[in-house]
ModelCIF file with pLDDT and N, C-alpha, C, O atoms, coordinates in Angstrom:
data_MODEL
#
_entry.id   MODEL 
#
_entity.id                         1 
_entity.type                       polymer 
_entity.pdbx_number_of_molecules   1 
#
_entity_poly.entity_id                      1 
_entity_poly.type                           'polypeptide(L)' 
_entity_poly.nstd_linkage                   no 
_entity_poly.nstd_monomer                   no 
_entity_poly.pdbx_seq_one_letter_code       
;(UNK)(UNK)(UNK)(UNK)(UNK)(UNK)(UNK)(UNK)(UNK)(UNK)(UNK)(UNK)(UNK)(UNK)(UNK)(UNK)
(UNK)(UNK)(UNK)(UNK)(UNK)(UNK)(UNK)(UNK)(UNK)(UNK)(UNK)(UNK)(UNK)(UNK)(UNK)(UNK)
(UNK)(UNK)(UNK)(UNK)(UNK)(UNK)(UNK)(UNK)
;
_entity_poly.pdbx_seq_one_letter_code_can   XXXXXXXXXXXXXXXXXXXXXXXXXXXXXXXXXXXXXXXX 
_entity_poly.pdbx_strand_id                 A 
#
loop_
_entity_poly_seq.entity_id 
_entity_poly_seq.num 
_entity_poly_seq.mon_id 
_entity_poly_seq.hetero 
1 1  UNK n 
1 2  UNK n 
1 3  UNK n 
1 4  UNK n 
1 5  UNK n 
1 6  UNK n 
1 7  UNK n 
1 8  UNK n 
1 9  UNK n 
1 10 UNK n 
1 11 UNK n 
1 12 UNK n 
1 13 UNK n 
1 14 UNK n 
1 15 UNK n 
1 16 UNK n 
1 17 UNK n 
1 18 UNK n 
1 19 UNK n 
1 20 UNK n 
1 21 UNK n 
1 22 UNK n 
1 23 UNK n 
1 24 UNK n 
1 25 UNK n 
1 26 UNK n 
1 27 UNK n 
1 28 UNK n 
1 29 UNK n 
1 30 UNK n 
1 31 UNK n 
1 32 UNK n 
1 33 UNK n 
1 34 UNK n 
1 35 UNK n 
1 36 UNK n 
1 37 UNK n 
1 38 UNK n 
1 39 UNK n 
1 40 UNK n 
#
_struct_asym.id          A 
_struct_asym.entity_id   1 
#
loop_
_ma_qa_metric.id 
_ma_qa_metric.mode 
_ma_qa_metric.name 
_ma_qa_metric.software_group_id 
_ma_qa_metric.type 
1 global pLDDT . pLDDT 
2 local  pLDDT . pLDDT 
#
_ma_qa_metric_global.metric_id      1 
_ma_qa_metric_global.metric_value   95.25 
_ma_qa_metric_global.model_id       1 
_ma_qa_metric_global.ordinal_id     1 
#
loop_
_ma_qa_metric_local.label_asym_id 
_ma_qa_metric_local.label_comp_id 
_ma_qa_metric_local.label_seq_id 
_ma_qa_metric_local.metric_id 
_ma_qa_metric_local.metric_value 
_ma_qa_metric_local.model_id 
_ma_qa_metric_local.ordinal_id 
A UNK 1  2 91.00 1 1  
A UNK 2  2 92.00 1 2  
A UNK 3  2 92.00 1 3  
A UNK 4  2 94.00 1 4  
A UNK 5  2 96.00 1 5  
A UNK 6  2 97.00 1 6  
A UNK 7  2 97.00 1 7  
A UNK 8  2 97.00 1 8  
A UNK 9  2 97.00 1 9  
A UNK 10 2 97.00 1 10 
A UNK 11 2 98.00 1 11 
A UNK 12 2 98.00 1 12 
A UNK 13 2 97.00 1 13 
A UNK 14 2 97.00 1 14 
A UNK 15 2 98.00 1 15 
A UNK 16 2 98.00 1 16 
A UNK 17 2 97.00 1 17 
A UNK 18 2 97.00 1 18 
A UNK 19 2 97.00 1 19 
A UNK 20 2 97.00 1 20 
A UNK 21 2 96.00 1 21 
A UNK 22 2 97.00 1 22 
A UNK 23 2 95.00 1 23 
A UNK 24 2 93.00 1 24 
A UNK 25 2 92.00 1 25 
A UNK 26 2 91.00 1 26 
A UNK 27 2 92.00 1 27 
A UNK 28 2 95.00 1 28 
A UNK 29 2 95.00 1 29 
A UNK 30 2 97.00 1 30 
A UNK 31 2 96.00 1 31 
A UNK 32 2 94.00 1 32 
A UNK 33 2 89.00 1 33 
A UNK 34 2 94.00 1 34 
A UNK 35 2 96.00 1 35 
A UNK 36 2 95.00 1 36 
A UNK 37 2 96.00 1 37 
A UNK 38 2 96.00 1 38 
A UNK 39 2 94.00 1 39 
A UNK 40 2 93.00 1 40 
#
loop_
_atom_site.group_PDB 
_atom_site.id 
_atom_site.type_symbol 
_atom_site.label_atom_id 
_atom_site.label_alt_id 
_atom_site.label_comp_id 
_atom_site.label_asym_id 
_atom_site.label_entity_id 
_atom_site.label_seq_id 
_atom_site.pdbx_PDB_ins_code 
_atom_site.Cartn_x 
_atom_site.Cartn_y 
_atom_site.Cartn_z 
_atom_site.occupancy 
_atom_site.B_iso_or_equiv 
_atom_site.pdbx_formal_charge 
_atom_site.auth_seq_id 
_atom_site.auth_comp_id 
_atom_site.auth_asym_id 
_atom_site.auth_atom_id 
_atom_site.pdbx_PDB_model_num 
ATOM 1   N N  . UNK A 1 1  ? -90.849  -57.283 -14.804 1.00 91.00 ? 1  UNK A N  1 
ATOM 2   C CA . UNK A 1 1  ? -89.937  -57.496 -15.927 1.00 91.00 ? 1  UNK A CA 1 
ATOM 3   C C  . UNK A 1 1  ? -88.914  -56.374 -16.092 1.00 91.00 ? 1  UNK A C  1 
ATOM 4   O O  . UNK A 1 1  ? -87.943  -56.528 -16.833 1.00 91.00 ? 1  UNK A O  1 
ATOM 5   N N  . UNK A 1 2  ? -89.119  -55.261 -15.419 1.00 92.00 ? 2  UNK A N  1 
ATOM 6   C CA . UNK A 1 2  ? -88.137  -54.178 -15.506 1.00 92.00 ? 2  UNK A CA 1 
ATOM 7   C C  . UNK A 1 2  ? -86.900  -54.551 -14.700 1.00 92.00 ? 2  UNK A C  1 
ATOM 8   O O  . UNK A 1 2  ? -86.998  -55.142 -13.625 1.00 92.00 ? 2  UNK A O  1 
ATOM 9   N N  . UNK A 1 3  ? -85.760  -54.203 -15.225 1.00 92.00 ? 3  UNK A N  1 
ATOM 10  C CA . UNK A 1 3  ? -84.545  -54.424 -14.433 1.00 92.00 ? 3  UNK A CA 1 
ATOM 11  C C  . UNK A 1 3  ? -84.578  -53.488 -13.242 1.00 92.00 ? 3  UNK A C  1 
ATOM 12  O O  . UNK A 1 3  ? -85.300  -52.491 -13.244 1.00 92.00 ? 3  UNK A O  1 
ATOM 13  N N  . UNK A 1 4  ? -83.806  -53.806 -12.239 1.00 94.00 ? 4  UNK A N  1 
ATOM 14  C CA . UNK A 1 4  ? -83.744  -52.961 -11.048 1.00 94.00 ? 4  UNK A CA 1 
ATOM 15  C C  . UNK A 1 4  ? -83.061  -51.636 -11.336 1.00 94.00 ? 4  UNK A C  1 
ATOM 16  O O  . UNK A 1 4  ? -82.509  -51.424 -12.416 1.00 94.00 ? 4  UNK A O  1 
ATOM 17  N N  . UNK A 1 5  ? -83.107  -50.754 -10.355 1.00 96.00 ? 5  UNK A N  1 
ATOM 18  C CA . UNK A 1 5  ? -82.469  -49.449 -10.499 1.00 96.00 ? 5  UNK A CA 1 
ATOM 19  C C  . UNK A 1 5  ? -80.959  -49.639 -10.521 1.00 96.00 ? 5  UNK A C  1 
ATOM 20  O O  . UNK A 1 5  ? -80.394  -50.256 -9.618  1.00 96.00 ? 5  UNK A O  1 
ATOM 21  N N  . UNK A 1 6  ? -80.299  -49.105 -11.563 1.00 97.00 ? 6  UNK A N  1 
ATOM 22  C CA . UNK A 1 6  ? -78.875  -49.334 -11.725 1.00 97.00 ? 6  UNK A CA 1 
ATOM 23  C C  . UNK A 1 6  ? -78.065  -48.087 -12.083 1.00 97.00 ? 6  UNK A C  1 
ATOM 24  O O  . UNK A 1 6  ? -76.933  -48.220 -12.547 1.00 97.00 ? 6  UNK A O  1 
ATOM 25  N N  . UNK A 1 7  ? -78.598  -46.893 -11.887 1.00 97.00 ? 7  UNK A N  1 
ATOM 26  C CA . UNK A 1 7  ? -77.793  -45.721 -12.201 1.00 97.00 ? 7  UNK A CA 1 
ATOM 27  C C  . UNK A 1 7  ? -76.674  -45.573 -11.192 1.00 97.00 ? 7  UNK A C  1 
ATOM 28  O O  . UNK A 1 7  ? -76.853  -45.786 -9.993  1.00 97.00 ? 7  UNK A O  1 
ATOM 29  N N  . UNK A 1 8  ? -75.510  -45.202 -11.712 1.00 97.00 ? 8  UNK A N  1 
ATOM 30  C CA . UNK A 1 8  ? -74.345  -44.981 -10.866 1.00 97.00 ? 8  UNK A CA 1 
ATOM 31  C C  . UNK A 1 8  ? -74.167  -43.481 -10.618 1.00 97.00 ? 8  UNK A C  1 
ATOM 32  O O  . UNK A 1 8  ? -74.892  -42.648 -11.162 1.00 97.00 ? 8  UNK A O  1 
ATOM 33  N N  . UNK A 1 9  ? -73.209  -43.179 -9.804  1.00 97.00 ? 9  UNK A N  1 
ATOM 34  C CA . UNK A 1 9  ? -72.875  -41.787 -9.505  1.00 97.00 ? 9  UNK A CA 1 
ATOM 35  C C  . UNK A 1 9  ? -72.626  -40.994 -10.788 1.00 97.00 ? 9  UNK A C  1 
ATOM 36  O O  . UNK A 1 9  ? -73.037  -39.838 -10.890 1.00 97.00 ? 9  UNK A O  1 
ATOM 37  N N  . UNK A 1 10 ? -71.964  -41.599 -11.757 1.00 97.00 ? 10 UNK A N  1 
ATOM 38  C CA . UNK A 1 10 ? -71.645  -40.902 -13.003 1.00 97.00 ? 10 UNK A CA 1 
ATOM 39  C C  . UNK A 1 10 ? -72.898  -40.475 -13.761 1.00 97.00 ? 10 UNK A C  1 
ATOM 40  O O  . UNK A 1 10 ? -72.984  -39.337 -14.222 1.00 97.00 ? 10 UNK A O  1 
ATOM 41  N N  . UNK A 1 11 ? -73.871  -41.379 -13.895 1.00 98.00 ? 11 UNK A N  1 
ATOM 42  C CA . UNK A 1 11 ? -75.110  -41.031 -14.610 1.00 98.00 ? 11 UNK A CA 1 
ATOM 43  C C  . UNK A 1 11 ? -75.898  -39.963 -13.863 1.00 98.00 ? 11 UNK A C  1 
ATOM 44  O O  . UNK A 1 11 ? -76.443  -39.043 -14.472 1.00 98.00 ? 11 UNK A O  1 
ATOM 45  N N  . UNK A 1 12 ? -75.954  -40.091 -12.542 1.00 98.00 ? 12 UNK A N  1 
ATOM 46  C CA . UNK A 1 12 ? -76.697  -39.116 -11.729 1.00 98.00 ? 12 UNK A CA 1 
ATOM 47  C C  . UNK A 1 12 ? -76.048  -37.743 -11.845 1.00 98.00 ? 12 UNK A C  1 
ATOM 48  O O  . UNK A 1 12 ? -76.740  -36.748 -12.059 1.00 98.00 ? 12 UNK A O  1 
ATOM 49  N N  . UNK A 1 13 ? -74.736  -37.679 -11.709 1.00 97.00 ? 13 UNK A N  1 
ATOM 50  C CA . UNK A 1 13 ? -74.040  -36.393 -11.799 1.00 97.00 ? 13 UNK A CA 1 
ATOM 51  C C  . UNK A 1 13 ? -74.153  -35.801 -13.204 1.00 97.00 ? 13 UNK A C  1 
ATOM 52  O O  . UNK A 1 13 ? -74.287  -34.585 -13.347 1.00 97.00 ? 13 UNK A O  1 
ATOM 53  N N  . UNK A 1 14 ? -74.100  -36.628 -14.231 1.00 97.00 ? 14 UNK A N  1 
ATOM 54  C CA . UNK A 1 14 ? -74.252  -36.121 -15.600 1.00 97.00 ? 14 UNK A CA 1 
ATOM 55  C C  . UNK A 1 14 ? -75.630  -35.492 -15.783 1.00 97.00 ? 14 UNK A C  1 
ATOM 56  O O  . UNK A 1 14 ? -75.747  -34.427 -16.389 1.00 97.00 ? 14 UNK A O  1 
ATOM 57  N N  . UNK A 1 15 ? -76.674  -36.141 -15.264 1.00 98.00 ? 15 UNK A N  1 
ATOM 58  C CA . UNK A 1 15 ? -78.015  -35.573 -15.349 1.00 98.00 ? 15 UNK A CA 1 
ATOM 59  C C  . UNK A 1 15 ? -78.093  -34.261 -14.581 1.00 98.00 ? 15 UNK A C  1 
ATOM 60  O O  . UNK A 1 15 ? -78.641  -33.280 -15.084 1.00 98.00 ? 15 UNK A O  1 
ATOM 61  N N  . UNK A 1 16 ? -77.554  -34.233 -13.378 1.00 98.00 ? 16 UNK A N  1 
ATOM 62  C CA . UNK A 1 16 ? -77.570  -33.000 -12.585 1.00 98.00 ? 16 UNK A CA 1 
ATOM 63  C C  . UNK A 1 16 ? -76.817  -31.875 -13.296 1.00 98.00 ? 16 UNK A C  1 
ATOM 64  O O  . UNK A 1 16 ? -77.293  -30.741 -13.337 1.00 98.00 ? 16 UNK A O  1 
ATOM 65  N N  . UNK A 1 17 ? -75.657  -32.180 -13.850 1.00 97.00 ? 17 UNK A N  1 
ATOM 66  C CA . UNK A 1 17 ? -74.886  -31.173 -14.586 1.00 97.00 ? 17 UNK A CA 1 
ATOM 67  C C  . UNK A 1 17 ? -75.670  -30.641 -15.783 1.00 97.00 ? 17 UNK A C  1 
ATOM 68  O O  . UNK A 1 17 ? -75.697  -29.435 -16.029 1.00 97.00 ? 17 UNK A O  1 
ATOM 69  N N  . UNK A 1 18 ? -76.307  -31.547 -16.524 1.00 97.00 ? 18 UNK A N  1 
ATOM 70  C CA . UNK A 1 18 ? -77.107  -31.139 -17.686 1.00 97.00 ? 18 UNK A CA 1 
ATOM 71  C C  . UNK A 1 18 ? -78.275  -30.256 -17.273 1.00 97.00 ? 18 UNK A C  1 
ATOM 72  O O  . UNK A 1 18 ? -78.528  -29.219 -17.887 1.00 97.00 ? 18 UNK A O  1 
ATOM 73  N N  . UNK A 1 19 ? -78.986  -30.671 -16.227 1.00 97.00 ? 19 UNK A N  1 
ATOM 74  C CA . UNK A 1 19 ? -80.142  -29.889 -15.764 1.00 97.00 ? 19 UNK A CA 1 
ATOM 75  C C  . UNK A 1 19 ? -79.711  -28.510 -15.285 1.00 97.00 ? 19 UNK A C  1 
ATOM 76  O O  . UNK A 1 19 ? -80.366  -27.508 -15.573 1.00 97.00 ? 19 UNK A O  1 
ATOM 77  N N  . UNK A 1 20 ? -78.605  -28.469 -14.554 1.00 97.00 ? 20 UNK A N  1 
ATOM 78  C CA . UNK A 1 20 ? -78.148  -27.172 -14.043 1.00 97.00 ? 20 UNK A CA 1 
ATOM 79  C C  . UNK A 1 20 ? -77.685  -26.264 -15.194 1.00 97.00 ? 20 UNK A C  1 
ATOM 80  O O  . UNK A 1 20 ? -77.964  -25.065 -15.179 1.00 97.00 ? 20 UNK A O  1 
ATOM 81  N N  . UNK A 1 21 ? -76.994  -26.813 -16.170 1.00 96.00 ? 21 UNK A N  1 
ATOM 82  C CA . UNK A 1 21 ? -76.578  -26.021 -17.338 1.00 96.00 ? 21 UNK A CA 1 
ATOM 83  C C  . UNK A 1 21 ? -77.800  -25.495 -18.081 1.00 96.00 ? 21 UNK A C  1 
ATOM 84  O O  . UNK A 1 21 ? -77.785  -24.376 -18.592 1.00 96.00 ? 21 UNK A O  1 
ATOM 85  N N  . UNK A 1 22 ? -78.857  -26.301 -18.143 1.00 97.00 ? 22 UNK A N  1 
ATOM 86  C CA . UNK A 1 22 ? -80.091  -25.899 -18.810 1.00 97.00 ? 22 UNK A CA 1 
ATOM 87  C C  . UNK A 1 22 ? -80.740  -24.703 -18.119 1.00 97.00 ? 22 UNK A C  1 
ATOM 88  O O  . UNK A 1 22 ? -81.432  -23.922 -18.772 1.00 97.00 ? 22 UNK A O  1 
ATOM 89  N N  . UNK A 1 23 ? -80.534  -24.544 -16.825 1.00 95.00 ? 23 UNK A N  1 
ATOM 90  C CA . UNK A 1 23 ? -81.115  -23.409 -16.088 1.00 95.00 ? 23 UNK A CA 1 
ATOM 91  C C  . UNK A 1 23 ? -80.735  -22.065 -16.713 1.00 95.00 ? 23 UNK A C  1 
ATOM 92  O O  . UNK A 1 23 ? -81.533  -21.128 -16.698 1.00 95.00 ? 23 UNK A O  1 
ATOM 93  N N  . UNK A 1 24 ? -79.532  -21.968 -17.257 1.00 93.00 ? 24 UNK A N  1 
ATOM 94  C CA . UNK A 1 24 ? -79.084  -20.711 -17.849 1.00 93.00 ? 24 UNK A CA 1 
ATOM 95  C C  . UNK A 1 24 ? -78.994  -20.775 -19.373 1.00 93.00 ? 24 UNK A C  1 
ATOM 96  O O  . UNK A 1 24 ? -78.514  -19.839 -20.012 1.00 93.00 ? 24 UNK A O  1 
ATOM 97  N N  . UNK A 1 25 ? -79.450  -21.867 -19.940 1.00 92.00 ? 25 UNK A N  1 
ATOM 98  C CA . UNK A 1 25 ? -79.452  -22.069 -21.382 1.00 92.00 ? 25 UNK A CA 1 
ATOM 99  C C  . UNK A 1 25 ? -80.574  -21.255 -22.028 1.00 92.00 ? 25 UNK A C  1 
ATOM 100 O O  . UNK A 1 25 ? -81.532  -20.874 -21.355 1.00 92.00 ? 25 UNK A O  1 
ATOM 101 N N  . UNK A 1 26 ? -80.457  -20.992 -23.312 1.00 91.00 ? 26 UNK A N  1 
ATOM 102 C CA . UNK A 1 26 ? -81.484  -20.223 -24.028 1.00 91.00 ? 26 UNK A CA 1 
ATOM 103 C C  . UNK A 1 26 ? -82.721  -21.055 -24.357 1.00 91.00 ? 26 UNK A C  1 
ATOM 104 O O  . UNK A 1 26 ? -83.791  -20.500 -24.607 1.00 91.00 ? 26 UNK A O  1 
ATOM 105 N N  . UNK A 1 27 ? -82.587  -22.375 -24.359 1.00 92.00 ? 27 UNK A N  1 
ATOM 106 C CA . UNK A 1 27 ? -83.721  -23.236 -24.689 1.00 92.00 ? 27 UNK A CA 1 
ATOM 107 C C  . UNK A 1 27 ? -84.778  -23.209 -23.590 1.00 92.00 ? 27 UNK A C  1 
ATOM 108 O O  . UNK A 1 27 ? -84.485  -22.880 -22.440 1.00 92.00 ? 27 UNK A O  1 
ATOM 109 N N  . UNK A 1 28 ? -86.019  -23.562 -23.958 1.00 95.00 ? 28 UNK A N  1 
ATOM 110 C CA . UNK A 1 28 ? -87.113  -23.582 -22.991 1.00 95.00 ? 28 UNK A CA 1 
ATOM 111 C C  . UNK A 1 28 ? -87.495  -24.978 -22.541 1.00 95.00 ? 28 UNK A C  1 
ATOM 112 O O  . UNK A 1 28 ? -88.152  -25.139 -21.513 1.00 95.00 ? 28 UNK A O  1 
ATOM 113 N N  . UNK A 1 29 ? -87.087  -26.006 -23.309 1.00 95.00 ? 29 UNK A N  1 
ATOM 114 C CA . UNK A 1 29 ? -87.469  -27.376 -22.968 1.00 95.00 ? 29 UNK A CA 1 
ATOM 115 C C  . UNK A 1 29 ? -86.236  -28.274 -22.938 1.00 95.00 ? 29 UNK A C  1 
ATOM 116 O O  . UNK A 1 29 ? -85.421  -28.272 -23.860 1.00 95.00 ? 29 UNK A O  1 
ATOM 117 N N  . UNK A 1 30 ? -86.122  -29.032 -21.864 1.00 97.00 ? 30 UNK A N  1 
ATOM 118 C CA . UNK A 1 30 ? -85.087  -30.047 -21.721 1.00 97.00 ? 30 UNK A CA 1 
ATOM 119 C C  . UNK A 1 30 ? -85.800  -31.399 -21.787 1.00 97.00 ? 30 UNK A C  1 
ATOM 120 O O  . UNK A 1 30 ? -86.684  -31.675 -20.977 1.00 97.00 ? 30 UNK A O  1 
ATOM 121 N N  . UNK A 1 31 ? -85.422  -32.228 -22.738 1.00 96.00 ? 31 UNK A N  1 
ATOM 122 C CA . UNK A 1 31 ? -86.105  -33.495 -22.971 1.00 96.00 ? 31 UNK A CA 1 
ATOM 123 C C  . UNK A 1 31 ? -85.332  -34.656 -22.340 1.00 96.00 ? 31 UNK A C  1 
ATOM 124 O O  . UNK A 1 31 ? -84.127  -34.807 -22.545 1.00 96.00 ? 31 UNK A O  1 
ATOM 125 N N  . UNK A 1 32 ? -86.049  -35.463 -21.577 1.00 94.00 ? 32 UNK A N  1 
ATOM 126 C CA . UNK A 1 32 ? -85.462  -36.588 -20.858 1.00 94.00 ? 32 UNK A CA 1 
ATOM 127 C C  . UNK A 1 32 ? -85.603  -37.932 -21.558 1.00 94.00 ? 32 UNK A C  1 
ATOM 128 O O  . UNK A 1 32 ? -85.334  -38.964 -20.945 1.00 94.00 ? 32 UNK A O  1 
ATOM 129 N N  . UNK A 1 33 ? -86.006  -37.952 -22.789 1.00 89.00 ? 33 UNK A N  1 
ATOM 130 C CA . UNK A 1 33 ? -86.221  -39.198 -23.517 1.00 89.00 ? 33 UNK A CA 1 
ATOM 131 C C  . UNK A 1 33 ? -87.577  -39.787 -23.153 1.00 89.00 ? 33 UNK A C  1 
ATOM 132 O O  . UNK A 1 33 ? -88.329  -39.181 -22.389 1.00 89.00 ? 33 UNK A O  1 
ATOM 133 N N  . UNK A 1 34 ? -87.897  -40.956 -23.689 1.00 94.00 ? 34 UNK A N  1 
ATOM 134 C CA . UNK A 1 34 ? -89.255  -41.490 -23.533 1.00 94.00 ? 34 UNK A CA 1 
ATOM 135 C C  . UNK A 1 34 ? -89.595  -41.989 -22.133 1.00 94.00 ? 34 UNK A C  1 
ATOM 136 O O  . UNK A 1 34 ? -88.752  -42.506 -21.400 1.00 94.00 ? 34 UNK A O  1 
ATOM 137 N N  . UNK A 1 35 ? -90.849  -41.811 -21.805 1.00 96.00 ? 35 UNK A N  1 
ATOM 138 C CA . UNK A 1 35 ? -91.481  -42.459 -20.665 1.00 96.00 ? 35 UNK A CA 1 
ATOM 139 C C  . UNK A 1 35 ? -92.684  -43.177 -21.262 1.00 96.00 ? 35 UNK A C  1 
ATOM 140 O O  . UNK A 1 35 ? -93.662  -42.547 -21.665 1.00 96.00 ? 35 UNK A O  1 
ATOM 141 N N  . UNK A 1 36 ? -92.596  -44.505 -21.314 1.00 95.00 ? 36 UNK A N  1 
ATOM 142 C CA . UNK A 1 36 ? -93.660  -45.303 -21.919 1.00 95.00 ? 36 UNK A CA 1 
ATOM 143 C C  . UNK A 1 36 ? -94.551  -45.817 -20.800 1.00 95.00 ? 36 UNK A C  1 
ATOM 144 O O  . UNK A 1 36 ? -94.088  -46.480 -19.872 1.00 95.00 ? 36 UNK A O  1 
ATOM 145 N N  . UNK A 1 37 ? -95.845  -45.497 -20.904 1.00 96.00 ? 37 UNK A N  1 
ATOM 146 C CA . UNK A 1 37 ? -96.801  -45.823 -19.850 1.00 96.00 ? 37 UNK A CA 1 
ATOM 147 C C  . UNK A 1 37 ? -97.926  -46.702 -20.390 1.00 96.00 ? 37 UNK A C  1 
ATOM 148 O O  . UNK A 1 37 ? -98.288  -46.637 -21.565 1.00 96.00 ? 37 UNK A O  1 
ATOM 149 N N  . UNK A 1 38 ? -98.457  -47.512 -19.506 1.00 96.00 ? 38 UNK A N  1 
ATOM 150 C CA . UNK A 1 38 ? -99.664  -48.263 -19.803 1.00 96.00 ? 38 UNK A CA 1 
ATOM 151 C C  . UNK A 1 38 ? -100.679 -47.914 -18.718 1.00 96.00 ? 38 UNK A C  1 
ATOM 152 O O  . UNK A 1 38 ? -100.452 -48.182 -17.538 1.00 96.00 ? 38 UNK A O  1 
ATOM 153 N N  . UNK A 1 39 ? -101.789 -47.320 -19.122 1.00 94.00 ? 39 UNK A N  1 
ATOM 154 C CA . UNK A 1 39 ? -102.873 -47.003 -18.189 1.00 94.00 ? 39 UNK A CA 1 
ATOM 155 C C  . UNK A 1 39 ? -103.810 -48.202 -18.173 1.00 94.00 ? 39 UNK A C  1 
ATOM 156 O O  . UNK A 1 39 ? -104.523 -48.447 -19.146 1.00 94.00 ? 39 UNK A O  1 
ATOM 157 N N  . UNK A 1 40 ? -103.812 -48.936 -17.094 1.00 93.00 ? 40 UNK A N  1 
ATOM 158 C CA . UNK A 1 40 ? -104.615 -50.165 -17.016 1.00 93.00 ? 40 UNK A CA 1 
ATOM 159 C C  . UNK A 1 40 ? -106.053 -49.865 -16.598 1.00 93.00 ? 40 UNK A C  1 
ATOM 160 O O  . UNK A 1 40 ? -106.866 -50.783 -16.483 1.00 93.00 ? 40 UNK A O  1 
#
């Protein structure tokens, strides 16, 4: 039921830019939003 993988170059580069900026940021945690899991 999950849609297929649909990230474009723009989303990937935005994530990479954010992660790299976080490397020198004062914060200790970078949050990626929810990961909802079902342990069967």
